Amino acid sequence: MLDYNDFKLCKAVFVKLIPITSPRFLAPETLVVMPDWHGIFGNDNPLVLEIGCGVGDFAAQMATLHPLWNYLALDYYNKGCLKTCKRADKAALDNLRVVRDEARSFMERCIPRKSLRAVIINCPDPWPKLRHRKRRLVNAEFVAYLAGFMQPGADLYFATDFVDYGLDVAGMMPDQAGFENVIAPDPYRHELEGYPRSKYMLKFMAEGKRIYYVHYRNVSQAGGYHGGP
């Protein structure tokens, strides 16, 4: 029998997608091969990737705070992409583009190695049941994979309201080669200066939960992921 998360994934396949006409939306058919990011953004500013942008409130805030970042807001769900586009259009954020795709597939096709200035992952699905923990996005293997796309000095931000997930990532990161803890000696913090709070973060905080922030920097000059996609 399908659990709730499996049901959501199956349902997403069969639901008719609402067309997204925003000029800031990169349609899937335009991302079959490596895009011309210079042509898309009109500049050579560094790329930043947010994996799982939700409804886009965080992405809009970050793109506003960092106008010299070419910000890619990625989400698997069409509804979230649509809402993100509406926010970006309303704020006239020309440094933000929205992508509907699965993270690894998109990165393999569309992100040059060693090109990302930052990778941001906020409140990913915690898969709370013990037997589902292996489905969690952020683990040692995925961080090593991300390193292959991050330029030297690039930042990796992770945030979650789920205590076990926060402690797990904070405990795993010190063993990741080529990364240093920006907030050392703290393994994590519950506040991160200059880091916006998303709608979901504020909701969780209103429920009395605390956000676990983990912030590391890629200090490797030539390291990275050498395995398969």
Protein backbone atom coordinates (compact mmCIF):
# COMPACT_ATOMS: atom_id res chain seq x y z
CA MET A 1 0.00 0.00 0.00
CA LEU A 2 1.26 3.49 -0.86
CA ASP A 3 2.10 5.80 2.01
CA TYR A 4 1.16 9.48 1.84
CA ASN A 5 4.43 10.66 0.28
CA ASP A 6 4.30 7.97 -2.42
CA PHE A 7 0.69 9.00 -3.10
CA LYS A 8 1.74 12.62 -3.57
CA LEU A 9 4.39 11.63 -6.09
CA CYS A 10 1.97 9.48 -8.06
CA LYS A 11 -0.70 12.16 -7.98
CA ALA A 12 1.74 14.74 -9.36
CA VAL A 13 2.30 12.61 -12.46
CA PHE A 14 -1.38 12.58 -13.44
CA VAL A 15 -2.47 16.09 -12.45
CA LYS A 16 -2.78 18.41 -15.44
CA LEU A 17 -0.11 21.09 -15.21
CA ILE A 18 -1.14 24.73 -15.21
CA PRO A 19 0.77 26.48 -18.03
CA ILE A 20 3.48 28.86 -16.85
CA THR A 21 3.93 31.80 -19.21
CA SER A 22 6.35 33.88 -17.15
CA PRO A 23 9.48 35.02 -19.01
CA ARG A 24 11.42 33.93 -15.92
CA PHE A 25 10.33 30.31 -16.29
CA LEU A 26 12.73 28.05 -18.19
CA ALA A 27 10.50 25.53 -19.94
CA PRO A 28 11.72 21.92 -19.77
CA GLU A 29 12.07 21.64 -23.55
CA THR A 30 14.64 24.46 -23.49
CA LEU A 31 16.81 22.59 -20.98
CA VAL A 32 17.52 19.39 -22.88
CA VAL A 33 21.19 20.31 -23.33
CA MET A 34 23.59 22.69 -21.59
CA PRO A 35 22.00 26.16 -21.67
CA ASP A 36 23.77 29.37 -22.58
CA TRP A 37 23.57 30.93 -19.13
CA HIS A 38 25.29 34.10 -20.34
CA GLY A 39 22.59 34.52 -22.96
CA ILE A 40 19.76 33.72 -20.54
CA PHE A 41 20.85 36.18 -17.85
CA GLY A 42 22.68 38.65 -20.09
CA ASN A 43 25.82 38.56 -17.95
CA ASP A 44 28.55 36.32 -16.58
CA ASN A 45 27.58 36.59 -12.92
CA PRO A 46 27.94 33.36 -10.91
CA LEU A 47 25.15 30.82 -10.76
CA VAL A 48 23.41 29.98 -7.49
CA LEU A 49 21.10 26.97 -7.22
CA GLU A 50 18.26 26.59 -4.73
CA ILE A 51 17.03 23.00 -4.67
CA GLY A 52 13.38 22.86 -3.65
CA CYS A 53 12.28 26.48 -3.86
CA GLY A 54 8.69 25.80 -2.73
CA VAL A 55 6.51 28.86 -3.34
CA GLY A 56 9.50 31.09 -4.00
CA ASP A 57 9.35 33.58 -1.15
CA PHE A 58 12.88 32.70 -0.01
CA ALA A 59 14.21 32.75 -3.58
CA ALA A 60 12.73 36.20 -4.19
CA GLN A 61 14.30 37.53 -1.00
CA MET A 62 17.73 36.07 -1.79
CA ALA A 63 17.68 37.29 -5.40
CA THR A 64 16.84 40.77 -4.08
CA LEU A 65 19.61 40.67 -1.49
CA HIS A 66 22.17 39.43 -4.04
CA PRO A 67 21.59 41.21 -7.36
CA LEU A 68 24.95 39.98 -8.69
CA TRP A 69 23.92 36.34 -8.35
CA ASN A 70 22.23 34.56 -11.23
CA TYR A 71 19.71 32.70 -9.10
CA LEU A 72 18.18 29.40 -10.23
CA ALA A 73 15.10 28.38 -8.23
CA LEU A 74 14.39 24.70 -8.85
CA ASP A 75 11.38 22.68 -7.78
CA TYR A 76 9.78 19.43 -8.88
CA TYR A 77 6.22 20.69 -8.48
CA ASN A 78 4.52 22.89 -11.04
CA LYS A 79 2.40 24.77 -8.50
CA GLY A 80 5.47 25.92 -6.60
CA CYS A 81 7.19 26.99 -9.82
CA LEU A 82 4.11 28.99 -10.83
CA LYS A 83 4.00 30.82 -7.49
CA THR A 84 7.74 31.46 -7.61
CA CYS A 85 7.40 32.98 -11.08
CA LYS A 86 4.60 35.25 -9.89
CA ARG A 87 6.77 36.52 -7.06
CA ALA A 88 9.75 37.06 -9.37
CA ASP A 89 7.63 38.84 -11.96
CA LYS A 90 6.02 41.10 -9.36
CA ALA A 91 9.44 42.09 -8.01
CA ALA A 92 10.93 42.36 -11.53
CA LEU A 93 13.82 40.10 -10.56
CA ASP A 94 15.84 39.75 -13.74
CA ASN A 95 18.51 37.76 -11.90
CA LEU A 96 16.09 34.93 -11.04
CA ARG A 97 14.98 32.03 -13.23
CA VAL A 98 12.65 29.18 -12.29
CA VAL A 99 13.15 25.54 -13.29
CA ARG A 100 10.77 22.58 -12.93
CA ASP A 101 12.91 19.46 -12.78
CA GLU A 102 14.52 16.80 -10.61
CA ALA A 103 17.75 18.08 -9.09
CA ARG A 104 20.29 15.54 -10.32
CA SER A 105 18.85 15.29 -13.80
CA PHE A 106 18.90 19.06 -14.17
CA MET A 107 22.42 19.43 -12.84
CA GLU A 108 23.81 16.72 -15.08
CA ARG A 109 22.36 18.34 -18.21
CA CYS A 110 22.51 22.00 -17.39
CA ILE A 111 25.08 22.97 -14.76
CA PRO A 112 28.75 23.17 -15.74
CA ARG A 113 31.18 21.56 -13.33
CA LYS A 114 32.73 23.93 -10.79
CA SER A 115 30.35 26.75 -11.70
CA LEU A 116 27.99 27.22 -8.73
CA ARG A 117 28.64 30.08 -6.32
CA ALA A 118 26.25 28.57 -3.77
CA VAL A 119 23.83 25.70 -3.27
CA ILE A 120 20.82 26.26 -1.02
CA ILE A 121 18.54 23.54 0.37
CA ASN A 122 15.76 24.66 2.70
CA CYS A 123 13.37 22.36 4.55
CA PRO A 124 13.56 19.32 2.26
CA ASP A 125 11.21 16.41 2.87
CA PRO A 126 12.42 14.89 6.18
CA TRP A 127 10.98 11.43 5.45
CA PRO A 128 10.31 11.02 9.19
CA LYS A 129 9.62 7.28 9.22
CA LEU A 130 12.76 5.33 10.04
CA ARG A 131 12.37 2.97 7.11
CA HIS A 132 12.22 5.96 4.73
CA ARG A 133 15.31 7.82 5.99
CA LYS A 134 17.36 6.53 3.05
CA ARG A 135 15.17 8.68 0.78
CA ARG A 136 16.40 11.90 2.34
CA LEU A 137 18.00 14.21 -0.19
CA VAL A 138 20.95 15.44 1.85
CA ASN A 139 23.45 12.77 2.81
CA ALA A 140 27.19 12.25 2.46
CA GLU A 141 26.95 10.92 -1.09
CA PHE A 142 24.82 13.84 -2.28
CA VAL A 143 27.11 16.43 -0.70
CA ALA A 144 30.09 14.82 -2.47
CA TYR A 145 28.07 14.97 -5.69
CA LEU A 146 27.28 18.66 -5.18
CA ALA A 147 30.96 19.43 -4.62
CA GLY A 148 31.69 18.57 -8.25
CA PHE A 149 29.45 21.46 -9.36
CA MET A 150 30.63 24.02 -6.79
CA GLN A 151 33.40 26.48 -7.49
CA PRO A 152 36.16 26.95 -4.91
CA GLY A 153 34.82 29.14 -2.13
CA ALA A 154 31.20 28.27 -2.88
CA ASP A 155 28.74 28.10 0.01
CA LEU A 156 26.45 25.20 0.92
CA TYR A 157 23.42 26.15 3.01
CA PHE A 158 21.08 23.62 4.57
CA ALA A 159 18.10 24.37 6.80
CA THR A 160 15.45 22.15 8.37
CA ASP A 161 12.90 22.27 11.16
CA PHE A 162 13.20 18.51 11.70
CA VAL A 163 15.51 17.91 14.68
CA ASP A 164 16.80 14.50 13.62
CA TYR A 165 17.55 15.70 10.08
CA GLY A 166 19.37 18.80 11.32
CA LEU A 167 21.52 16.83 13.74
CA ASP A 168 22.22 14.18 11.10
CA VAL A 169 23.48 16.68 8.51
CA ALA A 170 25.41 18.69 11.11
CA GLY A 171 27.07 15.49 12.32
CA MET A 172 27.86 14.24 8.84
CA MET A 173 29.39 17.39 7.34
CA PRO A 174 32.69 17.49 9.32
CA ASP A 175 33.70 14.25 7.55
CA GLN A 176 33.11 15.68 4.07
CA ALA A 177 36.42 16.26 2.31
CA GLY A 178 36.94 19.72 0.88
CA PHE A 179 34.44 21.55 3.08
CA GLU A 180 34.93 23.81 6.09
CA ASN A 181 32.37 24.88 8.66
CA VAL A 182 31.64 28.61 8.26
CA ILE A 183 29.88 28.81 11.63
CA ALA A 184 32.51 26.85 13.59
CA PRO A 185 32.82 25.97 16.40
CA ASP A 186 29.04 25.53 16.25
CA PRO A 187 27.94 22.47 14.24
CA TYR A 188 24.64 24.24 13.53
CA ARG A 189 22.78 27.35 14.60
CA HIS A 190 19.17 28.32 15.12
CA GLU A 191 19.73 31.78 13.64
CA LEU A 192 21.80 32.69 10.57
CA GLU A 193 22.55 36.35 10.01
CA GLY A 194 21.57 37.66 6.59
CA TYR A 195 19.62 34.51 5.74
CA PRO A 196 15.92 35.12 5.02
CA ARG A 197 13.18 33.07 6.60
CA SER A 198 10.82 31.34 4.24
CA LYS A 199 7.06 31.04 4.68
CA TYR A 200 7.54 27.48 5.89
CA MET A 201 10.25 28.44 8.36
CA LEU A 202 8.00 31.10 9.88
CA LYS A 203 5.16 28.58 10.08
CA PHE A 204 7.36 26.06 11.87
CA MET A 205 8.68 28.72 14.25
CA ALA A 206 5.12 29.80 15.07
CA GLU A 207 4.50 26.18 16.10
CA GLY A 208 7.39 26.42 18.56
CA LYS A 209 9.91 24.58 16.41
CA ARG A 210 13.48 25.71 15.88
CA ILE A 211 15.27 25.86 12.54
CA TYR A 212 18.58 24.03 12.23
CA TYR A 213 20.98 25.91 9.95
CA VAL A 214 24.14 24.29 8.61
CA HIS A 215 26.59 26.41 6.58
CA TYR A 216 29.73 25.03 4.94
CA ARG A 217 32.14 26.31 2.30
CA ASN A 218 33.91 24.42 -0.46
CA VAL A 219 37.64 24.85 0.13
CA SER A 220 38.76 22.22 -2.38
CA GLN A 221 40.60 23.45 -5.45
CA ALA A 222 40.34 20.31 -7.55
CA GLY A 223 38.24 17.88 -5.56
CA GLY A 224 34.66 16.85 -6.14
CA TYR A 225 32.45 13.99 -7.10
CA HIS A 226 33.98 11.36 -9.39
CA GLY A 227 31.19 8.83 -9.48
CA GLY A 228 28.20 8.43 -11.77
CA PRO A 229 25.19 10.68 -12.13
